[in-house]
Amino acid sequence: MEENISFCGLNCFSCPAYVAKKTDNNDLRIKTAKKWSSIGFEITPEQVNCDGCKINDGILLLHCNDCKVRNCAMPKKIMTCAECLDYSCEKLENLWKEIQTSEGKTNLDRIKGSL
């Protein structure tokens, strides 16, 4: 599977917000907003858009401008947090708990193992 790994290890190419933005898929936006809202992330279909957290100019998903992981990684000019000397830090662990997935840790551990 093709990948575009974010700082925290999520694969943008499998993220519904990224896919919905790239394909302009309103049905996916509606479905994703409903799903994410049901687990505590209040979001409207219009907000389900993202160009990926590694960009400086573009659309980011809701809290991504204030994301502690992104704000830490950007100035370090690293591709993913696996390259950071502090990997795996409390910022990452807290984010993974918040978004309720182990995908990021799995991807970053794999990347860290290949460095």
PDB file of N, CA and C in Angstrom:
ATOM      1  N   MET A   1       0.839  -1.180   0.000  1.00  0.00           N
ATOM      2  CA  MET A   1       0.000   0.000   0.000  1.00  0.00           C
ATOM      3  C   MET A   1       0.884   1.243   0.000  1.00  0.00           C
ATOM      4  N   GLU A   2       0.523   2.209  -0.793  1.00  0.00           N
ATOM      5  CA  GLU A   2       1.258   3.458  -0.851  1.00  0.00           C
ATOM      6  C   GLU A   2       1.053   4.224   0.454  1.00  0.00           C
ATOM      7  N   GLU A   3       2.093   4.944   0.862  1.00  0.00           N
ATOM      8  CA  GLU A   3       2.027   5.634   2.141  1.00  0.00           C
ATOM      9  C   GLU A   3       2.440   7.094   2.025  1.00  0.00           C
ATOM     10  N   ASN A   4       1.892   7.889   2.902  1.00  0.00           N
ATOM     11  CA  ASN A   4       2.312   9.259   3.141  1.00  0.00           C
ATOM     12  C   ASN A   4       2.212   9.411   4.656  1.00  0.00           C
ATOM     13  N   ILE A   5       3.272   9.103   5.357  1.00  0.00           N
ATOM     14  CA  ILE A   5       3.251   9.028   6.812  1.00  0.00           C
ATOM     15  C   ILE A   5       3.414  10.417   7.428  1.00  0.00           C
ATOM     16  N   SER A   6       2.474  10.757   8.298  1.00  0.00           N
ATOM     17  CA  SER A   6       2.505  12.032   9.001  1.00  0.00           C
ATOM     18  C   SER A   6       3.543  11.978  10.126  1.00  0.00           C
ATOM     19  N   PHE A   7       3.757  13.107  10.773  1.00  0.00           N
ATOM     20  CA  PHE A   7       4.720  13.148  11.878  1.00  0.00           C
ATOM     21  C   PHE A   7       4.403  12.104  12.939  1.00  0.00           C
ATOM     22  N   CYS A   8       3.108  11.958  13.267  1.00  0.00           N
ATOM     23  CA  CYS A   8       2.700  11.055  14.346  1.00  0.00           C
ATOM     24  C   CYS A   8       2.556   9.607  13.891  1.00  0.00           C
ATOM     25  N   GLY A   9       2.780   9.356  12.609  1.00  0.00           N
ATOM     26  CA  GLY A   9       2.766   7.986  12.117  1.00  0.00           C
ATOM     27  C   GLY A   9       1.519   7.570  11.368  1.00  0.00           C
ATOM     28  N   LEU A  10       0.488   8.401  11.353  1.00  0.00           N
ATOM     29  CA  LEU A  10      -0.709   8.047  10.592  1.00  0.00           C
ATOM     30  C   LEU A  10      -0.413   8.133   9.105  1.00  0.00           C
ATOM     31  N   ASN A  11      -1.049   7.285   8.337  1.00  0.00           N
ATOM     32  CA  ASN A  11      -0.893   7.287   6.885  1.00  0.00           C
ATOM     33  C   ASN A  11      -1.965   8.194   6.291  1.00  0.00           C
ATOM     34  N   CYS A  12      -1.558   9.343   5.790  1.00  0.00           N
ATOM     35  CA  CYS A  12      -2.515  10.297   5.224  1.00  0.00           C
ATOM     36  C   CYS A  12      -3.348   9.671   4.106  1.00  0.00           C
ATOM     37  N   PHE A  13      -2.738   8.792   3.330  1.00  0.00           N
ATOM     38  CA  PHE A  13      -3.447   8.203   2.195  1.00  0.00           C
ATOM     39  C   PHE A  13      -4.613   7.312   2.624  1.00  0.00           C
ATOM     40  N   SER A  14      -4.661   6.917   3.908  1.00  0.00           N
ATOM     41  CA  SER A  14      -5.790   6.128   4.385  1.00  0.00           C
ATOM     42  C   SER A  14      -6.702   6.944   5.304  1.00  0.00           C
ATOM     43  N   CYS A  15      -6.415   8.216   5.481  1.00  0.00           N
ATOM     44  CA  CYS A  15      -7.215   9.083   6.341  1.00  0.00           C
ATOM     45  C   CYS A  15      -8.427   9.600   5.570  1.00  0.00           C
ATOM     46  N   PRO A  16      -9.618   9.421   6.107  1.00  0.00           N
ATOM     47  CA  PRO A  16     -10.815   9.871   5.394  1.00  0.00           C
ATOM     48  C   PRO A  16     -10.841  11.376   5.123  1.00  0.00           C
ATOM     49  N   ALA A  17     -10.287  12.187   6.016  1.00  0.00           N
ATOM     50  CA  ALA A  17     -10.274  13.639   5.789  1.00  0.00           C
ATOM     51  C   ALA A  17      -9.367  13.993   4.614  1.00  0.00           C
ATOM     52  N   TYR A  18      -8.244  13.321   4.509  1.00  0.00           N
ATOM     53  CA  TYR A  18      -7.311  13.541   3.402  1.00  0.00           C
ATOM     54  C   TYR A  18      -7.929  13.064   2.088  1.00  0.00           C
ATOM     55  N   VAL A  19      -8.491  11.870   2.116  1.00  0.00           N
ATOM     56  CA  VAL A  19      -9.103  11.289   0.912  1.00  0.00           C
ATOM     57  C   VAL A  19     -10.294  12.128   0.459  1.00  0.00           C
ATOM     58  N   ALA A  20     -11.138  12.551   1.410  1.00  0.00           N
ATOM     59  CA  ALA A  20     -12.313  13.362   1.061  1.00  0.00           C
ATOM     60  C   ALA A  20     -11.902  14.668   0.400  1.00  0.00           C
ATOM     61  N   LYS A  21     -10.845  15.292   0.911  1.00  0.00           N
ATOM     62  CA  LYS A  21     -10.360  16.555   0.322  1.00  0.00           C
ATOM     63  C   LYS A  21      -9.812  16.325  -1.073  1.00  0.00           C
ATOM     64  N   LYS A  22      -8.992  15.297  -1.233  1.00  0.00           N
ATOM     65  CA  LYS A  22      -8.353  15.047  -2.527  1.00  0.00           C
ATOM     66  C   LYS A  22      -9.349  14.617  -3.605  1.00  0.00           C
ATOM     67  N   THR A  23     -10.415  13.911  -3.201  1.00  0.00           N
ATOM     68  CA  THR A  23     -11.380  13.401  -4.176  1.00  0.00           C
ATOM     69  C   THR A  23     -12.684  14.194  -4.180  1.00  0.00           C
ATOM     70  N   ASP A  24     -12.779  15.201  -3.316  1.00  0.00           N
ATOM     71  CA  ASP A  24     -13.989  16.011  -3.162  1.00  0.00           C
ATOM     72  C   ASP A  24     -15.211  15.121  -2.974  1.00  0.00           C
ATOM     73  N   ASN A  25     -15.104  14.209  -2.019  1.00  0.00           N
ATOM     74  CA  ASN A  25     -16.135  13.202  -1.775  1.00  0.00           C
ATOM     75  C   ASN A  25     -17.010  13.614  -0.583  1.00  0.00           C
ATOM     76  N   ASN A  26     -18.165  14.200  -0.878  1.00  0.00           N
ATOM     77  CA  ASN A  26     -19.063  14.671   0.181  1.00  0.00           C
ATOM     78  C   ASN A  26     -19.678  13.533   0.972  1.00  0.00           C
ATOM     79  N   ASP A  27     -19.954  12.402   0.341  1.00  0.00           N
ATOM     80  CA  ASP A  27     -20.487  11.250   1.073  1.00  0.00           C
ATOM     81  C   ASP A  27     -19.491  10.781   2.132  1.00  0.00           C
ATOM     82  N   LEU A  28     -18.209  10.754   1.789  1.00  0.00           N
ATOM     83  CA  LEU A  28     -17.177  10.365   2.750  1.00  0.00           C
ATOM     84  C   LEU A  28     -17.082  11.388   3.877  1.00  0.00           C
ATOM     85  N   ARG A  29     -17.223  12.665   3.562  1.00  0.00           N
ATOM     86  CA  ARG A  29     -17.200  13.703   4.600  1.00  0.00           C
ATOM     87  C   ARG A  29     -18.338  13.485   5.599  1.00  0.00           C
ATOM     88  N   ILE A  30     -19.533  13.221   5.092  1.00  0.00           N
ATOM     89  CA  ILE A  30     -20.701  13.013   5.954  1.00  0.00           C
ATOM     90  C   ILE A  30     -20.498  11.781   6.837  1.00  0.00           C
ATOM     91  N   LYS A  31     -20.094  10.683   6.226  1.00  0.00           N
ATOM     92  CA  LYS A  31     -19.873   9.427   6.957  1.00  0.00           C
ATOM     93  C   LYS A  31     -18.797   9.605   8.034  1.00  0.00           C
ATOM     94  N   THR A  32     -17.710  10.279   7.695  1.00  0.00           N
ATOM     95  CA  THR A  32     -16.599  10.473   8.625  1.00  0.00           C
ATOM     96  C   THR A  32     -16.997  11.393   9.772  1.00  0.00           C
ATOM     97  N   ALA A  33     -17.692  12.475   9.465  1.00  0.00           N
ATOM     98  CA  ALA A  33     -18.141  13.395  10.514  1.00  0.00           C
ATOM     99  C   ALA A  33     -19.050  12.669  11.500  1.00  0.00           C
ATOM    100  N   LYS A  34     -19.928  11.848  10.989  1.00  0.00           N
ATOM    101  CA  LYS A  34     -20.834  11.097  11.856  1.00  0.00           C
ATOM    102  C   LYS A  34     -20.045  10.129  12.746  1.00  0.00           C
ATOM    103  N   LYS A  35     -19.104   9.397  12.146  1.00  0.00           N
ATOM    104  CA  LYS A  35     -18.317   8.422  12.899  1.00  0.00           C
ATOM    105  C   LYS A  35     -17.458   9.106  13.963  1.00  0.00           C
ATOM    106  N   TRP A  36     -16.709  10.135  13.570  1.00  0.00           N
ATOM    107  CA  TRP A  36     -15.823  10.796  14.510  1.00  0.00           C
ATOM    108  C   TRP A  36     -16.604  11.513  15.609  1.00  0.00           C
ATOM    109  N   SER A  37     -17.746  12.091  15.279  1.00  0.00           N
ATOM    110  CA  SER A  37     -18.575  12.750  16.289  1.00  0.00           C
ATOM    111  C   SER A  37     -19.110  11.746  17.299  1.00  0.00           C
ATOM    112  N   SER A  38     -19.370  10.523  16.848  1.00  0.00           N
ATOM    113  CA  SER A  38     -19.899   9.495  17.746  1.00  0.00           C
ATOM    114  C   SER A  38     -18.875   9.040  18.791  1.00  0.00           C
ATOM    115  N   ILE A  39     -17.577   9.313  18.534  1.00  0.00           N
ATOM    116  CA  ILE A  39     -16.549   8.924  19.510  1.00  0.00           C
ATOM    117  C   ILE A  39     -15.952  10.140  20.227  1.00  0.00           C
ATOM    118  N   GLY A  40     -16.648  11.284  20.116  1.00  0.00           N
ATOM    119  CA  GLY A  40     -16.247  12.441  20.904  1.00  0.00           C
ATOM    120  C   GLY A  40     -15.532  13.554  20.180  1.00  0.00           C
ATOM    121  N   PHE A  41     -15.295  13.432  18.899  1.00  0.00           N
ATOM    122  CA  PHE A  41     -14.661  14.501  18.125  1.00  0.00           C
ATOM    123  C   PHE A  41     -15.749  15.220  17.344  1.00  0.00           C
ATOM    124  N   GLU A  42     -16.327  16.251  17.944  1.00  0.00           N
ATOM    125  CA  GLU A  42     -17.407  16.975  17.284  1.00  0.00           C
ATOM    126  C   GLU A  42     -16.869  17.644  16.030  1.00  0.00           C
ATOM    127  N   ILE A  43     -17.405  17.243  14.896  1.00  0.00           N
ATOM    128  CA  ILE A  43     -16.937  17.741  13.609  1.00  0.00           C
ATOM    129  C   ILE A  43     -18.091  17.709  12.622  1.00  0.00           C
ATOM    130  N   THR A  44     -18.137  18.697  11.766  1.00  0.00           N
ATOM    131  CA  THR A  44     -19.170  18.743  10.733  1.00  0.00           C
ATOM    132  C   THR A  44     -18.586  18.212   9.427  1.00  0.00           C
ATOM    133  N   PRO A  45     -19.421  17.782   8.504  1.00  0.00           N
ATOM    134  CA  PRO A  45     -18.908  17.311   7.211  1.00  0.00           C
ATOM    135  C   PRO A  45     -18.044  18.352   6.500  1.00  0.00           C
ATOM    136  N   GLU A  46     -18.390  19.626   6.646  1.00  0.00           N
ATOM    137  CA  GLU A  46     -17.612  20.691   5.996  1.00  0.00           C
ATOM    138  C   GLU A  46     -16.195  20.795   6.540  1.00  0.00           C
ATOM    139  N   GLN A  47     -15.985  20.294   7.745  1.00  0.00           N
ATOM    140  CA  GLN A  47     -14.664  20.350   8.375  1.00  0.00           C
ATOM    141  C   GLN A  47     -13.807  19.133   8.055  1.00  0.00           C
ATOM    142  N   VAL A  48     -14.365  18.147   7.396  1.00  0.00           N
ATOM    143  CA  VAL A  48     -13.621  16.919   7.072  1.00  0.00           C
ATOM    144  C   VAL A  48     -12.837  17.150   5.780  1.00  0.00           C
ATOM    145  N   ASN A  49     -11.741  17.865   5.924  1.00  0.00           N
ATOM    146  CA  ASN A  49     -10.836  18.204   4.830  1.00  0.00           C
ATOM    147  C   ASN A  49      -9.436  18.350   5.395  1.00  0.00           C
ATOM    148  N   CYS A  50      -8.444  17.810   4.700  1.00  0.00           N
ATOM    149  CA  CYS A  50      -7.065  17.950   5.162  1.00  0.00           C
ATOM    150  C   CYS A  50      -6.111  17.733   3.990  1.00  0.00           C
ATOM    151  N   ASP A  51      -5.071  18.552   3.945  1.00  0.00           N
ATOM    152  CA  ASP A  51      -4.019  18.402   2.940  1.00  0.00           C
ATOM    153  C   ASP A  51      -2.789  17.695   3.502  1.00  0.00           C
ATOM    154  N   GLY A  52      -2.843  17.278   4.757  1.00  0.00           N
ATOM    155  CA  GLY A  52      -1.705  16.617   5.400  1.00  0.00           C
ATOM    156  C   GLY A  52      -0.963  17.582   6.297  1.00  0.00           C
ATOM    157  N   CYS A  53      -0.514  17.097   7.450  1.00  0.00           N
ATOM    158  CA  CYS A  53       0.054  17.987   8.468  1.00  0.00           C
ATOM    159  C   CYS A  53       1.452  18.508   8.140  1.00  0.00           C
ATOM    160  N   LYS A  54       2.103  17.974   7.136  1.00  0.00           N
ATOM    161  CA  LYS A  54       3.471  18.409   6.842  1.00  0.00           C
ATOM    162  C   LYS A  54       3.526  19.659   5.971  1.00  0.00           C
ATOM    163  N   ILE A  55       2.377  20.121   5.524  1.00  0.00           N
ATOM    164  CA  ILE A  55       2.365  21.301   4.667  1.00  0.00           C
ATOM    165  C   ILE A  55       2.307  22.578   5.492  1.00  0.00           C
ATOM    166  N   ASN A  56       2.822  23.658   4.942  1.00  0.00           N
ATOM    167  CA  ASN A  56       2.740  24.964   5.600  1.00  0.00           C
ATOM    168  C   ASN A  56       1.498  25.723   5.159  1.00  0.00           C
ATOM    169  N   ASP A  57       1.145  25.587   3.897  1.00  0.00           N
ATOM    170  CA  ASP A  57      -0.022  26.273   3.344  1.00  0.00           C
ATOM    171  C   ASP A  57      -1.010  25.224   2.890  1.00  0.00           C
ATOM    172  N   GLY A  58      -2.225  25.337   3.328  1.00  0.00           N
ATOM    173  CA  GLY A  58      -3.248  24.388   2.944  1.00  0.00           C
ATOM    174  C   GLY A  58      -4.235  24.198   4.065  1.00  0.00           C
ATOM    175  N   ILE A  59      -5.104  23.252   3.875  1.00  0.00           N
ATOM    176  CA  ILE A  59      -6.154  22.987   4.849  1.00  0.00           C
ATOM    177  C   ILE A  59      -5.711  21.878   5.788  1.00  0.00           C
ATOM    178  N   LEU A  60      -5.865  22.145   7.081  1.00  0.00           N
ATOM    179  CA  LEU A  60      -5.567  21.146   8.102  1.00  0.00           C
ATOM    180  C   LEU A  60      -6.857  20.793   8.832  1.00  0.00           C
ATOM    181  N   LEU A  61      -6.916  19.592   9.328  1.00  0.00           N
ATOM    182  CA  LEU A  61      -8.061  19.134  10.098  1.00  0.00           C
ATOM    183  C   LEU A  61      -8.081  19.834  11.451  1.00  0.00           C
ATOM    184  N   LEU A  62      -9.188  20.427  11.784  1.00  0.00           N
ATOM    185  CA  LEU A  62      -9.479  21.091  13.064  1.00  0.00           C
ATOM    186  C   LEU A  62      -8.298  21.441  13.952  1.00  0.00           C
ATOM    187  N   HIS A  63      -7.914  20.539  14.836  1.00  0.00           N
ATOM    188  CA  HIS A  63      -6.919  20.839  15.867  1.00  0.00           C
ATOM    189  C   HIS A  63      -5.479  20.761  15.371  1.00  0.00           C
ATOM    190  N   CYS A  64      -5.267  20.443  14.132  1.00  0.00           N
ATOM    191  CA  CYS A  64      -3.896  20.191  13.653  1.00  0.00           C
ATOM    192  C   CYS A  64      -2.993  21.421  13.720  1.00  0.00           C
ATOM    193  N   ASN A  65      -3.558  22.621  13.598  1.00  0.00           N
ATOM    194  CA  ASN A  65      -2.734  23.826  13.747  1.00  0.00           C
ATOM    195  C   ASN A  65      -2.153  23.926  15.148  1.00  0.00           C
ATOM    196  N   ASP A  66      -2.877  23.389  16.125  1.00  0.00           N
ATOM    197  CA  ASP A  66      -2.439  23.443  17.510  1.00  0.00           C
ATOM    198  C   ASP A  66      -1.861  22.120  18.002  1.00  0.00           C
ATOM    199  N   CYS A  67      -1.652  21.172  17.108  1.00  0.00           N
ATOM    200  CA  CYS A  67      -1.177  19.850  17.497  1.00  0.00           C
ATOM    201  C   CYS A  67       0.238  19.954  18.083  1.00  0.00           C
ATOM    202  N   LYS A  68       0.405  19.453  19.307  1.00  0.00           N
ATOM    203  CA  LYS A  68       1.710  19.512  19.972  1.00  0.00           C
ATOM    204  C   LYS A  68       2.762  18.709  19.222  1.00  0.00           C
ATOM    205  N   VAL A  69       2.359  17.587  18.634  1.00  0.00           N
ATOM    206  CA  VAL A  69       3.306  16.758  17.885  1.00  0.00           C
ATOM    207  C   VAL A  69       3.769  17.503  16.635  1.00  0.00           C
ATOM    208  N   ARG A  70       2.822  18.034  15.871  1.00  0.00           N
ATOM    209  CA  ARG A  70       3.157  18.783  14.654  1.00  0.00           C
ATOM    210  C   ARG A  70       4.015  20.000  14.987  1.00  0.00           C
ATOM    211  N   ASN A  71       3.636  20.745  16.018  1.00  0.00           N
ATOM    212  CA  ASN A  71       4.368  21.954  16.386  1.00  0.00           C
ATOM    213  C   ASN A  71       5.767  21.660  16.914  1.00  0.00           C
ATOM    214  N   CYS A  72       5.991  20.457  17.393  1.00  0.00           N
ATOM    215  CA  CYS A  72       7.316  20.027  17.826  1.00  0.00           C
ATOM    216  C   CYS A  72       8.157  19.566  16.628  1.00  0.00           C
ATOM    217  N   ALA A  73       7.541  18.810  15.728  1.00  0.00           N
ATOM    218  CA  ALA A  73       8.270  18.203  14.609  1.00  0.00           C
ATOM    219  C   ALA A  73       8.619  19.189  13.501  1.00  0.00           C
ATOM    220  N   MET A  74       7.728  20.128  13.197  1.00  0.00           N
ATOM    221  CA  MET A  74       7.957  21.054  12.074  1.00  0.00           C
ATOM    222  C   MET A  74       9.285  21.798  12.182  1.00  0.00           C
ATOM    223  N   PRO A  75       9.587  22.433  13.305  1.00  0.00           N
ATOM    224  CA  PRO A  75      10.855  23.169  13.366  1.00  0.00           C
ATOM    225  C   PRO A  75      12.089  22.265  13.354  1.00  0.00           C
ATOM    226  N   LYS A  76      11.924  21.004  13.698  1.00  0.00           N
ATOM    227  CA  LYS A  76      13.045  20.062  13.672  1.00  0.00           C
ATOM    228  C   LYS A  76      13.357  19.584  12.263  1.00  0.00           C
ATOM    229  N   LYS A  77      12.449  19.878  11.332  1.00  0.00           N
ATOM    230  CA  LYS A  77      12.615  19.487   9.918  1.00  0.00           C
ATOM    231  C   LYS A  77      12.853  17.982   9.760  1.00  0.00           C
ATOM    232  N   ILE A  78      12.069  17.208  10.501  1.00  0.00           N
ATOM    233  CA  ILE A  78      12.134  15.752  10.394  1.00  0.00           C
ATOM    234  C   ILE A  78      10.937  15.274   9.577  1.00  0.00           C
ATOM    235  N   MET A  79      11.076  14.125   8.959  1.00  0.00           N
ATOM    236  CA  MET A  79       9.982  13.580   8.153  1.00  0.00           C
ATOM    237  C   MET A  79       8.906  12.947   9.029  1.00  0.00           C
ATOM    238  N   THR A  80       9.324  12.244  10.086  1.00  0.00           N
ATOM    239  CA  THR A  80       8.397  11.657  11.048  1.00  0.00           C
ATOM    240  C   THR A  80       9.052  11.710  12.422  1.00  0.00           C
ATOM    241  N   CYS A  81       8.251  11.488  13.433  1.00  0.00           N
ATOM    242  CA  CYS A  81       8.776  11.490  14.801  1.00  0.00           C
ATOM    243  C   CYS A  81       9.725  10.320  15.066  1.00  0.00           C
ATOM    244  N   ALA A  82       9.739   9.334  14.203  1.00  0.00           N
ATOM    245  CA  ALA A  82      10.674   8.221  14.362  1.00  0.00           C
ATOM    246  C   ALA A  82      12.118   8.710  14.280  1.00  0.00           C
ATOM    247  N   GLU A  83      12.351   9.836  13.619  1.00  0.00           N
ATOM    248  CA  GLU A  83      13.691  10.399  13.479  1.00  0.00           C
ATOM    249  C   GLU A  83      14.120  11.220  14.695  1.00  0.00           C
ATOM    250  N   CYS A  84      13.193  11.504  15.577  1.00  0.00           N
ATOM    251  CA  CYS A  84      13.477  12.366  16.728  1.00  0.00           C
ATOM    252  C   CYS A  84      14.230  11.595  17.805  1.00  0.00           C
ATOM    253  N   LEU A  85      15.174  12.265  18.444  1.00  0.00           N
ATOM    254  CA  LEU A  85      15.943  11.650  19.526  1.00  0.00           C
ATOM    255  C   LEU A  85      15.064  11.340  20.734  1.00  0.00           C
ATOM    256  N   ASP A  86      13.933  12.026  20.870  1.00  0.00           N
ATOM    257  CA  ASP A  86      13.029  11.818  22.004  1.00  0.00           C
ATOM    258  C   ASP A  86      11.926  10.806  21.725  1.00  0.00           C
ATOM    259  N   TYR A  87      11.988  10.118  20.570  1.00  0.00           N
ATOM    260  CA  TYR A  87      10.943   9.144  20.242  1.00  0.00           C
ATOM    261  C   TYR A  87      11.004   7.988  21.231  1.00  0.00           C
ATOM    262  N   SER A  88       9.927   7.565  21.697  1.00  0.00           N
ATOM    263  CA  SER A  88       8.535   7.967  21.651  1.00  0.00           C
ATOM    264  C   SER A  88       8.229   8.808  22.882  1.00  0.00           C
ATOM    265  N   CYS A  89       7.788  10.022  22.666  1.00  0.00           N
ATOM    266  CA  CYS A  89       7.606  10.970  23.759  1.00  0.00           C
ATOM    267  C   CYS A  89       6.166  10.996  24.269  1.00  0.00           C
ATOM    268  N   GLU A  90       5.977  11.743  25.320  1.00  0.00           N
ATOM    269  CA  GLU A  90       4.661  11.876  25.946  1.00  0.00           C
ATOM    270  C   GLU A  90       3.658  12.538  24.995  1.00  0.00           C
ATOM    271  N   LYS A  91       4.124  13.493  24.176  1.00  0.00           N
ATOM    272  CA  LYS A  91       3.228  14.149  23.219  1.00  0.00           C
ATOM    273  C   LYS A  91       2.618  13.120  22.271  1.00  0.00           C
ATOM    274  N   LEU A  92       3.453  12.243  21.750  1.00  0.00           N
ATOM    275  CA  LEU A  92       2.964  11.189  20.837  1.00  0.00           C
ATOM    276  C   LEU A  92       2.028  10.229  21.548  1.00  0.00           C
ATOM    277  N   GLU A  93       2.437   9.762  22.693  1.00  0.00           N
ATOM    278  CA  GLU A  93       1.620   8.799  23.443  1.00  0.00           C
ATOM    279  C   GLU A  93       0.240   9.380  23.745  1.00  0.00           C
ATOM    280  N   ASN A  94       0.193  10.650  24.148  1.00  0.00           N
ATOM    281  CA  ASN A  94      -1.079  11.299  24.441  1.00  0.00           C
ATOM    282  C   ASN A  94      -1.943  11.437  23.190  1.00  0.00           C
ATOM    283  N   LEU A  95      -1.322  11.788  22.068  1.00  0.00           N
ATOM    284  CA  LEU A  95      -2.077  11.917  20.820  1.00  0.00           C
ATOM    285  C   LEU A  95      -2.655  10.572  20.398  1.00  0.00           C
ATOM    286  N   TRP A  96      -1.861   9.520  20.453  1.00  0.00           N
ATOM    287  CA  TRP A  96      -2.345   8.195  20.062  1.00  0.00           C
ATOM    288  C   TRP A  96      -3.521   7.763  20.925  1.00  0.00           C
ATOM    289  N   LYS A  97      -3.464   8.072  22.219  1.00  0.00           N
ATOM    290  CA  LYS A  97      -4.591   7.750  23.102  1.00  0.00           C
ATOM    291  C   LYS A  97      -5.827   8.549  22.701  1.00  0.00           C
ATOM    292  N   GLU A  98      -5.611   9.827  22.408  1.00  0.00           N
ATOM    293  CA  GLU A  98      -6.727  10.710  22.055  1.00  0.00           C
ATOM    294  C   GLU A  98      -7.429  10.265  20.775  1.00  0.00           C
ATOM    295  N   ILE A  99      -6.658   9.887  19.766  1.00  0.00           N
ATOM    296  CA  ILE A  99      -7.274   9.513  18.490  1.00  0.00           C
ATOM    297  C   ILE A  99      -7.649   8.034  18.426  1.00  0.00           C
ATOM    298  N   GLN A 100      -7.338   7.308  19.488  1.00  0.00           N
ATOM    299  CA  GLN A 100      -7.800   5.938  19.669  1.00  0.00           C
ATOM    300  C   GLN A 100      -7.403   4.994  18.526  1.00  0.00           C
ATOM    301  N   THR A 101      -6.103   5.029  18.189  1.00  0.00           N
ATOM    302  CA  THR A 101      -5.589   4.097  17.188  1.00  0.00           C
ATOM    303  C   THR A 101      -4.128   3.779  17.481  1.00  0.00           C
ATOM    304  N   SER A 102      -3.715   2.594  17.097  1.00  0.00           N
ATOM    305  CA  SER A 102      -2.311   2.204  17.258  1.00  0.00           C
ATOM    306  C   SER A 102      -1.548   2.292  15.930  1.00  0.00           C
ATOM    307  N   GLU A 103      -2.226   2.741  14.872  1.00  0.00           N
ATOM    308  CA  GLU A 103      -1.597   2.825  13.549  1.00  0.00           C
ATOM    309  C   GLU A 103      -0.327   3.670  13.576  1.00  0.00           C
ATOM    310  N   GLY A 104      -0.378   4.820  14.231  1.00  0.00           N
ATOM    311  CA  GLY A 104       0.782   5.706  14.262  1.00  0.00           C
ATOM    312  C   GLY A 104       1.988   5.060  14.910  1.00  0.00           C
ATOM    313  N   LYS A 105       1.791   4.432  16.054  1.00  0.00           N
ATOM    314  CA  LYS A 105       2.894   3.772  16.753  1.00  0.00           C
ATOM    315  C   LYS A 105       3.452   2.630  15.920  1.00  0.00           C
ATOM    316  N   THR A 106       2.591   1.839  15.322  1.00  0.00           N
ATOM    317  CA  THR A 106       3.026   0.716  14.486  1.00  0.00           C
ATOM    318  C   THR A 106       3.886   1.212  13.331  1.00  0.00           C
ATOM    319  N   ASN A 107       3.432   2.255  12.648  1.00  0.00           N
ATOM    320  CA  ASN A 107       4.175   2.794  11.503  1.00  0.00           C
ATOM    321  C   ASN A 107       5.505   3.403  11.934  1.00  0.00           C
ATOM    322  N   LEU A 108       5.496   4.179  13.027  1.00  0.00           N
ATOM    323  CA  LEU A 108       6.737   4.810  13.466  1.00  0.00           C
ATOM    324  C   LEU A 108       7.738   3.789  14.012  1.00  0.00           C
ATOM    325  N   ASP A 109       7.271   2.766  14.697  1.00  0.00           N
ATOM    326  CA  ASP A 109       8.178   1.716  15.159  1.00  0.00           C
ATOM    327  C   ASP A 109       8.840   1.028  13.970  1.00  0.00           C
ATOM    328  N   ARG A 110       8.078   0.784  12.914  1.00  0.00           N
ATOM    329  CA  ARG A 110       8.621   0.166  11.701  1.00  0.00           C
ATOM    330  C   ARG A 110       9.677   1.079  11.073  1.00  0.00           C
ATOM    331  N   ILE A 111       9.359   2.373  10.973  1.00  0.00           N
ATOM    332  CA  ILE A 111      10.299   3.328  10.401  1.00  0.00           C
ATOM    333  C   ILE A 111      11.548   3.442  11.269  1.00  0.00           C
ATOM    334  N   LYS A 112      11.366   3.527  12.573  1.00  0.00           N
ATOM    335  CA  LYS A 112      12.498   3.630  13.516  1.00  0.00           C
ATOM    336  C   LYS A 112      13.424   2.423  13.368  1.00  0.00           C
ATOM    337  N   GLY A 113      12.836   1.253  13.187  1.00  0.00           N
ATOM    338  CA  GLY A 113      13.620   0.027  13.027  1.00  0.00           C
ATOM    339  C   GLY A 113      14.429  -0.018  11.746  1.00  0.00           C
ATOM    340  N   SER A 114      14.026   0.796  10.755  1.00  0.00           N
ATOM    341  CA  SER A 114      14.759   0.790   9.482  1.00  0.00           C
ATOM    342  C   SER A 114      15.756   1.928   9.359  1.00  0.00           C
ATOM    343  N   LEU A 115      15.838   2.775  10.396  1.00  0.00           N
ATOM    344  CA  LEU A 115      16.791   3.911  10.343  1.00  0.00           C
ATOM    345  C   LEU A 115      18.194   3.467  10.676  1.00  0.00           C
TER     346      LEU A 115
END
